[in-house]
Amino acid sequence: MGEKGGVSVYGLGRFPVTLYYEQWIRLLDVSDGLRAFLEENKPRLKLKTKE
């Protein structure tokens, strides 16, 4: 947790992603729909392979 109350996630890209409480709750509230969207569109999305 940062000084300003945000929670950061590292390792998703070049820079950390920092969200605040309300943003995390909103994201978690739509997580099932987001997962379904990603699965439905998987053939159209770029998948990064592990090296």
PDB file of N, CA and C in Angstrom:
ATOM      1  N   MET A   1       0.841  -1.168   0.000  1.00  0.00           N
ATOM      2  CA  MET A   1       0.000   0.000   0.000  1.00  0.00           C
ATOM      3  C   MET A   1       0.890   1.236   0.000  1.00  0.00           C
ATOM      4  N   GLY A   2       0.520   2.187  -0.829  1.00  0.00           N
ATOM      5  CA  GLY A   2       1.310   3.400  -0.938  1.00  0.00           C
ATOM      6  C   GLY A   2       0.935   4.435   0.106  1.00  0.00           C
ATOM      7  N   GLU A   3       1.726   5.482   0.166  1.00  0.00           N
ATOM      8  CA  GLU A   3       1.507   6.565   1.128  1.00  0.00           C
ATOM      9  C   GLU A   3       0.141   7.231   0.952  1.00  0.00           C
ATOM     10  N   LYS A   4      -0.340   7.279  -0.285  1.00  0.00           N
ATOM     11  CA  LYS A   4      -1.592   7.978  -0.571  1.00  0.00           C
ATOM     12  C   LYS A   4      -2.806   7.052  -0.517  1.00  0.00           C
ATOM     13  N   GLY A   5      -2.604   5.793  -0.118  1.00  0.00           N
ATOM     14  CA  GLY A   5      -3.720   4.884   0.070  1.00  0.00           C
ATOM     15  C   GLY A   5      -4.052   4.014  -1.120  1.00  0.00           C
ATOM     16  N   GLY A   6      -3.231   4.052  -2.152  1.00  0.00           N
ATOM     17  CA  GLY A   6      -3.467   3.200  -3.314  1.00  0.00           C
ATOM     18  C   GLY A   6      -2.769   1.865  -3.154  1.00  0.00           C
ATOM     19  N   VAL A   7      -3.256   0.871  -3.891  1.00  0.00           N
ATOM     20  CA  VAL A   7      -2.624  -0.444  -3.903  1.00  0.00           C
ATOM     21  C   VAL A   7      -2.115  -0.685  -5.315  1.00  0.00           C
ATOM     22  N   SER A   8      -0.829  -0.986  -5.430  1.00  0.00           N
ATOM     23  CA  SER A   8      -0.196  -1.155  -6.728  1.00  0.00           C
ATOM     24  C   SER A   8       0.027  -2.626  -7.054  1.00  0.00           C
ATOM     25  N   VAL A   9      -0.110  -2.944  -8.340  1.00  0.00           N
ATOM     26  CA  VAL A   9       0.179  -4.286  -8.842  1.00  0.00           C
ATOM     27  C   VAL A   9       1.390  -4.152  -9.758  1.00  0.00           C
ATOM     28  N   TYR A  10       2.396  -4.949  -9.488  1.00  0.00           N
ATOM     29  CA  TYR A  10       3.616  -4.934 -10.288  1.00  0.00           C
ATOM     30  C   TYR A  10       3.656  -6.159 -11.186  1.00  0.00           C
ATOM     31  N   GLY A  11       4.367  -6.055 -12.303  1.00  0.00           N
ATOM     32  CA  GLY A  11       4.579  -7.200 -13.165  1.00  0.00           C
ATOM     33  C   GLY A  11       3.591  -7.330 -14.314  1.00  0.00           C
ATOM     34  N   LEU A  12       2.656  -6.404 -14.455  1.00  0.00           N
ATOM     35  CA  LEU A  12       1.705  -6.463 -15.563  1.00  0.00           C
ATOM     36  C   LEU A  12       2.246  -5.785 -16.812  1.00  0.00           C
ATOM     37  N   GLY A  13       3.143  -4.887 -16.623  1.00  0.00           N
ATOM     38  CA  GLY A  13       3.712  -4.136 -17.740  1.00  0.00           C
ATOM     39  C   GLY A  13       4.960  -3.428 -17.267  1.00  0.00           C
ATOM     40  N   ARG A  14       5.326  -2.406 -17.987  1.00  0.00           N
ATOM     41  CA  ARG A  14       6.545  -1.672 -17.653  1.00  0.00           C
ATOM     42  C   ARG A  14       6.423  -0.918 -16.326  1.00  0.00           C
ATOM     43  N   PHE A  15       5.221  -0.393 -16.067  1.00  0.00           N
ATOM     44  CA  PHE A  15       5.005   0.389 -14.852  1.00  0.00           C
ATOM     45  C   PHE A  15       3.947  -0.273 -13.973  1.00  0.00           C
ATOM     46  N   PRO A  16       4.008  -0.038 -12.666  1.00  0.00           N
ATOM     47  CA  PRO A  16       2.977  -0.604 -11.793  1.00  0.00           C
ATOM     48  C   PRO A  16       1.615   0.053 -12.056  1.00  0.00           C
ATOM     49  N   VAL A  17       0.564  -0.688 -11.785  1.00  0.00           N
ATOM     50  CA  VAL A  17      -0.793  -0.171 -11.898  1.00  0.00           C
ATOM     51  C   VAL A  17      -1.280   0.096 -10.480  1.00  0.00           C
ATOM     52  N   THR A  18      -1.665   1.340 -10.209  1.00  0.00           N
ATOM     53  CA  THR A  18      -2.118   1.717  -8.873  1.00  0.00           C
ATOM     54  C   THR A  18      -3.587   2.097  -8.927  1.00  0.00           C
ATOM     55  N   LEU A  19      -4.375   1.463  -8.072  1.00  0.00           N
ATOM     56  CA  LEU A  19      -5.792   1.765  -7.962  1.00  0.00           C
ATOM     57  C   LEU A  19      -6.121   2.055  -6.505  1.00  0.00           C
ATOM     58  N   TYR A  20      -7.176   2.827  -6.297  1.00  0.00           N
ATOM     59  CA  TYR A  20      -7.643   3.131  -4.956  1.00  0.00           C
ATOM     60  C   TYR A  20      -8.823   2.236  -4.616  1.00  0.00           C
ATOM     61  N   TYR A  21      -9.211   2.215  -3.365  1.00  0.00           N
ATOM     62  CA  TYR A  21     -10.219   1.297  -2.857  1.00  0.00           C
ATOM     63  C   TYR A  21     -11.441   1.196  -3.766  1.00  0.00           C
ATOM     64  N   GLU A  22     -12.049   2.328  -4.093  1.00  0.00           N
ATOM     65  CA  GLU A  22     -13.263   2.318  -4.909  1.00  0.00           C
ATOM     66  C   GLU A  22     -13.012   1.703  -6.281  1.00  0.00           C
ATOM     67  N   GLN A  23     -11.837   1.961  -6.843  1.00  0.00           N
ATOM     68  CA  GLN A  23     -11.501   1.405  -8.148  1.00  0.00           C
ATOM     69  C   GLN A  23     -11.332  -0.108  -8.075  1.00  0.00           C
ATOM     70  N   TRP A  24     -10.698  -0.605  -7.021  1.00  0.00           N
ATOM     71  CA  TRP A  24     -10.548  -2.052  -6.852  1.00  0.00           C
ATOM     72  C   TRP A  24     -11.913  -2.713  -6.708  1.00  0.00           C
ATOM     73  N   ILE A  25     -12.807  -2.114  -5.929  1.00  0.00           N
ATOM     74  CA  ILE A  25     -14.138  -2.680  -5.727  1.00  0.00           C
ATOM     75  C   ILE A  25     -14.899  -2.715  -7.044  1.00  0.00           C
ATOM     76  N   ARG A  26     -14.842  -1.629  -7.815  1.00  0.00           N
ATOM     77  CA  ARG A  26     -15.518  -1.603  -9.122  1.00  0.00           C
ATOM     78  C   ARG A  26     -14.965  -2.678 -10.043  1.00  0.00           C
ATOM     79  N   LEU A  27     -13.645  -2.820 -10.065  1.00  0.00           N
ATOM     80  CA  LEU A  27     -13.008  -3.828 -10.914  1.00  0.00           C
ATOM     81  C   LEU A  27     -13.406  -5.236 -10.477  1.00  0.00           C
ATOM     82  N   LEU A  28     -13.380  -5.492  -9.195  1.00  0.00           N
ATOM     83  CA  LEU A  28     -13.761  -6.812  -8.694  1.00  0.00           C
ATOM     84  C   LEU A  28     -15.241  -7.109  -8.942  1.00  0.00           C
ATOM     85  N   ASP A  29     -16.088  -6.088  -8.879  1.00  0.00           N
ATOM     86  CA  ASP A  29     -17.528  -6.267  -9.128  1.00  0.00           C
ATOM     87  C   ASP A  29     -17.821  -6.721 -10.551  1.00  0.00           C
ATOM     88  N   VAL A  30     -16.988  -6.336 -11.493  1.00  0.00           N
ATOM     89  CA  VAL A  30     -17.225  -6.702 -12.898  1.00  0.00           C
ATOM     90  C   VAL A  30     -16.284  -7.813 -13.369  1.00  0.00           C
ATOM     91  N   SER A  31     -15.580  -8.450 -12.446  1.00  0.00           N
ATOM     92  CA  SER A  31     -14.567  -9.431 -12.832  1.00  0.00           C
ATOM     93  C   SER A  31     -15.162 -10.622 -13.589  1.00  0.00           C
ATOM     94  N   ASP A  32     -16.341 -11.105 -13.193  1.00  0.00           N
ATOM     95  CA  ASP A  32     -16.947 -12.236 -13.909  1.00  0.00           C
ATOM     96  C   ASP A  32     -17.278 -11.856 -15.348  1.00  0.00           C
ATOM     97  N   GLY A  33     -17.847 -10.668 -15.537  1.00  0.00           N
ATOM     98  CA  GLY A  33     -18.173 -10.201 -16.879  1.00  0.00           C
ATOM     99  C   GLY A  33     -16.929  -9.963 -17.712  1.00  0.00           C
ATOM    100  N   LEU A  34     -15.900  -9.434 -17.089  1.00  0.00           N
ATOM    101  CA  LEU A  34     -14.638  -9.190 -17.794  1.00  0.00           C
ATOM    102  C   LEU A  34     -14.004 -10.510 -18.227  1.00  0.00           C
ATOM    103  N   ARG A  35     -14.024 -11.500 -17.352  1.00  0.00           N
ATOM    104  CA  ARG A  35     -13.466 -12.817 -17.682  1.00  0.00           C
ATOM    105  C   ARG A  35     -14.248 -13.439 -18.844  1.00  0.00           C
ATOM    106  N   ALA A  36     -15.575 -13.332 -18.812  1.00  0.00           N
ATOM    107  CA  ALA A  36     -16.408 -13.877 -19.891  1.00  0.00           C
ATOM    108  C   ALA A  36     -16.102 -13.171 -21.208  1.00  0.00           C
ATOM    109  N   PHE A  37     -15.971 -11.847 -21.171  1.00  0.00           N
ATOM    110  CA  PHE A  37     -15.645 -11.077 -22.371  1.00  0.00           C
ATOM    111  C   PHE A  37     -14.312 -11.533 -22.955  1.00  0.00           C
ATOM    112  N   LEU A  38     -13.319 -11.703 -22.093  1.00  0.00           N
ATOM    113  CA  LEU A  38     -11.992 -12.119 -22.555  1.00  0.00           C
ATOM    114  C   LEU A  38     -12.041 -13.506 -23.191  1.00  0.00           C
ATOM    115  N   GLU A  39     -12.767 -14.427 -22.577  1.00  0.00           N
ATOM    116  CA  GLU A  39     -12.872 -15.778 -23.134  1.00  0.00           C
ATOM    117  C   GLU A  39     -13.599 -15.762 -24.478  1.00  0.00           C
ATOM    118  N   GLU A  40     -14.679 -14.984 -24.586  1.00  0.00           N
ATOM    119  CA  GLU A  40     -15.436 -14.908 -25.837  1.00  0.00           C
ATOM    120  C   GLU A  40     -14.605 -14.310 -26.967  1.00  0.00           C
ATOM    121  N   ASN A  41     -13.700 -13.426 -26.624  1.00  0.00           N
ATOM    122  CA  ASN A  41     -12.899 -12.727 -27.625  1.00  0.00           C
ATOM    123  C   ASN A  41     -11.461 -13.223 -27.712  1.00  0.00           C
ATOM    124  N   LYS A  42     -11.167 -14.311 -27.057  1.00  0.00           N
ATOM    125  CA  LYS A  42      -9.796 -14.838 -27.007  1.00  0.00           C
ATOM    126  C   LYS A  42      -9.163 -14.994 -28.383  1.00  0.00           C
ATOM    127  N   PRO A  43      -9.905 -15.501 -29.396  1.00  0.00           N
ATOM    128  CA  PRO A  43      -9.275 -15.647 -30.717  1.00  0.00           C
ATOM    129  C   PRO A  43      -8.830 -14.316 -31.337  1.00  0.00           C
ATOM    130  N   ARG A  44      -9.452 -13.226 -30.930  1.00  0.00           N
ATOM    131  CA  ARG A  44      -9.129 -11.918 -31.493  1.00  0.00           C
ATOM    132  C   ARG A  44      -8.084 -11.167 -30.672  1.00  0.00           C
ATOM    133  N   LEU A  45      -7.730 -11.694 -29.523  1.00  0.00           N
ATOM    134  CA  LEU A  45      -6.783 -11.017 -28.629  1.00  0.00           C
ATOM    135  C   LEU A  45      -5.386 -11.584 -28.805  1.00  0.00           C
ATOM    136  N   LYS A  46      -4.407 -10.741 -28.603  1.00  0.00           N
ATOM    137  CA  LYS A  46      -3.020 -11.184 -28.679  1.00  0.00           C
ATOM    138  C   LYS A  46      -2.667 -11.861 -27.361  1.00  0.00           C
ATOM    139  N   LEU A  47      -2.142 -13.082 -27.454  1.00  0.00           N
ATOM    140  CA  LEU A  47      -1.724 -13.810 -26.285  1.00  0.00           C
ATOM    141  C   LEU A  47      -0.206 -13.791 -26.195  1.00  0.00           C
ATOM    142  N   LYS A  48       0.306 -13.428 -25.055  1.00  0.00           N
ATOM    143  CA  LYS A  48       1.738 -13.370 -24.862  1.00  0.00           C
ATOM    144  C   LYS A  48       2.201 -14.723 -24.347  1.00  0.00           C
ATOM    145  N   THR A  49       3.150 -15.327 -25.044  1.00  0.00           N
ATOM    146  CA  THR A  49       3.657 -16.627 -24.611  1.00  0.00           C
ATOM    147  C   THR A  49       4.757 -16.455 -23.589  1.00  0.00           C
ATOM    148  N   LYS A  50       4.814 -17.399 -22.643  1.00  0.00           N
ATOM    149  CA  LYS A  50       5.872 -17.370 -21.627  1.00  0.00           C
ATOM    150  C   LYS A  50       7.167 -17.861 -22.254  1.00  0.00           C
ATOM    151  N   GLU A  51       8.237 -17.214 -21.888  1.00  0.00           N
ATOM    152  CA  GLU A  51       9.557 -17.586 -22.424  1.00  0.00           C
ATOM    153  C   GLU A  51      10.293 -18.438 -21.440  1.00  0.00           C
TER     154      GLU A  51
END
